[in-house]
PDB file of N, CA and C in Angstrom:
ATOM      1  N   MET A   1     238.239  92.551 -41.998  1.00  0.00           N
ATOM      2  CA  MET A   1     237.687  92.015 -41.085  1.00  0.00           C
ATOM      3  C   MET A   1     237.533  90.246 -41.283  1.00  0.00           C
ATOM      4  N   PHE A   2     238.004  89.453 -39.994  1.00  0.00           N
ATOM      5  CA  PHE A   2     238.261  88.190 -40.408  1.00  0.00           C
ATOM      6  C   PHE A   2     236.834  87.601 -40.238  1.00  0.00           C
ATOM      7  N   ILE A   3     236.235  86.746 -41.158  1.00  0.00           N
ATOM      8  CA  ILE A   3     234.923  86.129 -41.591  1.00  0.00           C
ATOM      9  C   ILE A   3     235.152  84.843 -41.022  1.00  0.00           C
ATOM     10  N   ASP A   4     234.466  84.500 -40.021  1.00  0.00           N
ATOM     11  CA  ASP A   4     234.119  82.972 -39.847  1.00  0.00           C
ATOM     12  C   ASP A   4     233.058  82.490 -39.769  1.00  0.00           C
ATOM     13  N   GLU A   5     232.675  81.365 -38.906  1.00  0.00           N
ATOM     14  CA  GLU A   5     231.484  81.058 -38.838  1.00  0.00           C
ATOM     15  C   GLU A   5     230.728  81.899 -37.846  1.00  0.00           C
ATOM     16  N   VAL A   6     231.412  82.245 -36.758  1.00  0.00           N
ATOM     17  CA  VAL A   6     230.570  82.905 -35.797  1.00  0.00           C
ATOM     18  C   VAL A   6     230.040  84.327 -36.494  1.00  0.00           C
ATOM     19  N   VAL A   7     230.765  85.113 -37.266  1.00  0.00           N
ATOM     20  CA  VAL A   7     230.356  86.316 -37.779  1.00  0.00           C
ATOM     21  C   VAL A   7     229.132  86.389 -38.669  1.00  0.00           C
ATOM     22  N   ILE A   8     229.321  84.995 -39.739  1.00  0.00           N
ATOM     23  CA  ILE A   8     228.479  84.832 -40.355  1.00  0.00           C
ATOM     24  C   ILE A   8     227.007  84.546 -39.811  1.00  0.00           C
ATOM     25  N   ALA A   9     227.285  83.803 -38.436  1.00  0.00           N
ATOM     26  CA  ALA A   9     225.946  83.156 -38.153  1.00  0.00           C
ATOM     27  C   ALA A   9     225.574  84.677 -37.116  1.00  0.00           C
ATOM     28  N   GLY A  10     226.121  85.535 -36.895  1.00  0.00           N
ATOM     29  CA  GLY A  10     225.853  86.612 -36.577  1.00  0.00           C
ATOM     30  C   GLY A  10     225.174  87.636 -37.545  1.00  0.00           C
ATOM     31  N   VAL A  11     225.663  87.557 -38.422  1.00  0.00           N
ATOM     32  CA  VAL A  11     225.144  88.460 -39.151  1.00  0.00           C
ATOM     33  C   VAL A  11     223.753  87.978 -39.747  1.00  0.00           C
ATOM     34  N   VAL A  12     223.503  86.756 -40.046  1.00  0.00           N
ATOM     35  CA  VAL A  12     222.500  86.026 -40.420  1.00  0.00           C
ATOM     36  C   VAL A  12     221.248  86.120 -39.370  1.00  0.00           C
ATOM     37  N   THR A  13     221.588  85.987 -38.311  1.00  0.00           N
ATOM     38  CA  THR A  13     220.783  86.082 -36.956  1.00  0.00           C
ATOM     39  C   THR A  13     220.143  87.767 -36.931  1.00  0.00           C
ATOM     40  N   VAL A  14     221.336  88.683 -37.011  1.00  0.00           N
ATOM     41  CA  VAL A  14     220.594  90.178 -36.919  1.00  0.00           C
ATOM     42  C   VAL A  14     219.717  90.508 -38.208  1.00  0.00           C
ATOM     43  N   GLY A  15     220.182  89.772 -39.526  1.00  0.00           N
ATOM     44  CA  GLY A  15     219.165  89.957 -40.542  1.00  0.00           C
ATOM     45  C   GLY A  15     217.970  89.306 -40.718  1.00  0.00           C
ATOM     46  N   MET A  16     217.966  88.099 -39.632  1.00  0.00           N
ATOM     47  CA  MET A  16     216.502  87.186 -39.699  1.00  0.00           C
ATOM     48  C   MET A  16     215.596  88.363 -38.448  1.00  0.00           C
ATOM     49  N   MET A  17     216.311  88.651 -37.520  1.00  0.00           N
ATOM     50  CA  MET A  17     215.614  89.799 -36.734  1.00  0.00           C
ATOM     51  C   MET A  17     214.810  90.850 -37.415  1.00  0.00           C
ATOM     52  N   VAL A  18     215.749  91.533 -38.152  1.00  0.00           N
ATOM     53  CA  VAL A  18     215.519  92.640 -38.911  1.00  0.00           C
ATOM     54  C   VAL A  18     214.141  92.532 -39.853  1.00  0.00           C
ATOM     55  N   ALA A  19     214.392  91.046 -40.144  1.00  0.00           N
ATOM     56  CA  ALA A  19     213.353  91.059 -41.335  1.00  0.00           C
ATOM     57  C   ALA A  19     211.811  90.200 -40.506  1.00  0.00           C
ATOM     58  N   PHE A  20     212.164  89.886 -39.649  1.00  0.00           N
ATOM     59  CA  PHE A  20     211.120  89.656 -38.555  1.00  0.00           C
ATOM     60  C   PHE A  20     210.553  90.899 -38.253  1.00  0.00           C
ATOM     61  N   LEU A  21     211.021  91.490 -37.437  1.00  0.00           N
ATOM     62  CA  LEU A  21     210.529  92.779 -37.120  1.00  0.00           C
ATOM     63  C   LEU A  21     209.813  93.686 -38.220  1.00  0.00           C
ATOM     64  N   GLY A  22     210.539  93.699 -39.142  1.00  0.00           N
ATOM     65  CA  GLY A  22     209.941  94.539 -40.295  1.00  0.00           C
ATOM     66  C   GLY A  22     208.571  93.928 -40.632  1.00  0.00           C
ATOM     67  N   GLY A  23     208.463  92.598 -40.887  1.00  0.00           N
ATOM     68  CA  GLY A  23     207.312  91.938 -40.962  1.00  0.00           C
ATOM     69  C   GLY A  23     206.134  92.027 -40.019  1.00  0.00           C
ATOM     70  N   VAL A  24     206.601  92.385 -38.990  1.00  0.00           N
ATOM     71  CA  VAL A  24     205.473  92.577 -37.398  1.00  0.00           C
ATOM     72  C   VAL A  24     205.020  94.193 -38.002  1.00  0.00           C
ATOM     73  N   VAL A  25     205.832  94.945 -38.247  1.00  0.00           N
ATOM     74  CA  VAL A  25     205.472  96.281 -38.198  1.00  0.00           C
ATOM     75  C   VAL A  25     204.736  96.558 -39.689  1.00  0.00           C
ATOM     76  N   TRP A  26     205.067  95.676 -40.537  1.00  0.00           N
ATOM     77  CA  TRP A  26     204.247  95.645 -41.789  1.00  0.00           C
ATOM     78  C   TRP A  26     202.687  95.127 -41.672  1.00  0.00           C
ATOM     79  N   PHE A  27     202.610  94.324 -40.676  1.00  0.00           N
ATOM     80  CA  PHE A  27     201.461  93.841 -40.460  1.00  0.00           C
ATOM     81  C   PHE A  27     200.662  94.789 -39.836  1.00  0.00           C
ATOM     82  N   ILE A  28     201.172  95.066 -38.565  1.00  0.00           N
ATOM     83  CA  ILE A  28     200.539  96.283 -37.765  1.00  0.00           C
ATOM     84  C   ILE A  28     200.016  97.516 -38.572  1.00  0.00           C
ATOM     85  N   TRP A  29     200.807  97.893 -39.521  1.00  0.00           N
ATOM     86  CA  TRP A  29     200.488  99.141 -40.644  1.00  0.00           C
ATOM     87  C   TRP A  29     199.540  98.875 -41.340  1.00  0.00           C
ATOM     88  N   ARG A  30     199.373  97.769 -42.251  1.00  0.00           N
ATOM     89  CA  ARG A  30     198.602  97.365 -42.863  1.00  0.00           C
ATOM     90  C   ARG A  30     197.211  97.100 -42.566  1.00  0.00           C
ATOM     91  N   ASP A  31     197.211  96.116 -40.865  1.00  0.00           N
ATOM     92  CA  ASP A  31     196.062  96.188 -40.396  1.00  0.00           C
ATOM     93  C   ASP A  31     195.390  97.552 -39.885  1.00  0.00           C
ATOM     94  N   SER A  32     196.019  98.516 -39.242  1.00  0.00           N
ATOM     95  CA  SER A  32     195.600  99.685 -39.047  1.00  0.00           C
ATOM     96  C   SER A  32     194.959 100.340 -40.034  1.00  0.00           C
ATOM     97  N   HIS A  33     195.266 100.343 -41.092  1.00  0.00           N
ATOM     98  CA  HIS A  33     194.686 101.409 -42.329  1.00  0.00           C
ATOM     99  C   HIS A  33     193.420 100.551 -42.787  1.00  0.00           C
ATOM    100  N   LYS A  34     192.892  99.390 -42.327  1.00  0.00           N
ATOM    101  CA  LYS A  34     191.739  99.016 -42.726  1.00  0.00           C
ATOM    102  C   LYS A  34     190.712  99.618 -42.703  1.00  0.00           C
ATOM    103  N   LYS A  35     189.544  99.685 -43.332  1.00  0.00           N
ATOM    104  CA  LYS A  35     188.579 100.130 -42.967  1.00  0.00           C
ATOM    105  C   LYS A  35     187.158  99.541 -42.537  1.00  0.00           C
ATOM    106  N   ARG A  36     186.617 100.101 -41.421  1.00  0.00           N
ATOM    107  CA  ARG A  36     185.699  98.894 -40.868  1.00  0.00           C
ATOM    108  C   ARG A  36     184.584  99.073 -41.479  1.00  0.00           C
ATOM    109  N   LYS A  37     183.838  97.961 -41.658  1.00  0.00           N
ATOM    110  CA  LYS A  37     182.446  97.896 -42.120  1.00  0.00           C
ATOM    111  C   LYS A  37     181.293  98.880 -41.472  1.00  0.00           C
ATOM    112  N   THR A  38     181.250  98.373 -40.383  1.00  0.00           N
ATOM    113  CA  THR A  38     180.272  98.991 -39.376  1.00  0.00           C
ATOM    114  C   THR A  38     181.078  99.552 -38.130  1.00  0.00           C
ATOM    115  N   PRO A  39     180.641 101.062 -38.079  1.00  0.00           N
ATOM    116  CA  PRO A  39     181.040 101.701 -37.183  1.00  0.00           C
ATOM    117  C   PRO A  39     180.950 101.137 -35.401  1.00  0.00           C
ATOM    118  N   ASN A  40     181.845 101.236 -34.548  1.00  0.00           N
ATOM    119  CA  ASN A  40     181.942 100.652 -33.196  1.00  0.00           C
ATOM    120  C   ASN A  40     181.176 101.628 -32.400  1.00  0.00           C
ATOM    121  N   THR A  41     179.875 101.450 -32.071  1.00  0.00           N
ATOM    122  CA  THR A  41     178.879 102.323 -31.280  1.00  0.00           C
ATOM    123  C   THR A  41     178.738 101.868 -30.060  1.00  0.00           C
ATOM    124  N   PRO A  42     178.863 102.197 -29.040  1.00  0.00           N
ATOM    125  CA  PRO A  42     178.910 101.837 -28.024  1.00  0.00           C
ATOM    126  C   PRO A  42     177.328 101.631 -27.371  1.00  0.00           C
ATOM    127  N   ASP A  43     176.808 100.312 -26.723  1.00  0.00           N
ATOM    128  CA  ASP A  43     175.311 100.358 -26.517  1.00  0.00           C
ATOM    129  C   ASP A  43     174.857 101.156 -25.378  1.00  0.00           C
TER     130      ASP A  43
END
């Protein structure tokens, strides 16, 4: 495969998108497992 600036930029862009989406998923997963201090009771 011929490696030039466009291929490198594409690989870096895809890697950054995967890292960003992985961080979002990790944050949502971590936040969804938090214990609530008070139960959410309707009035």
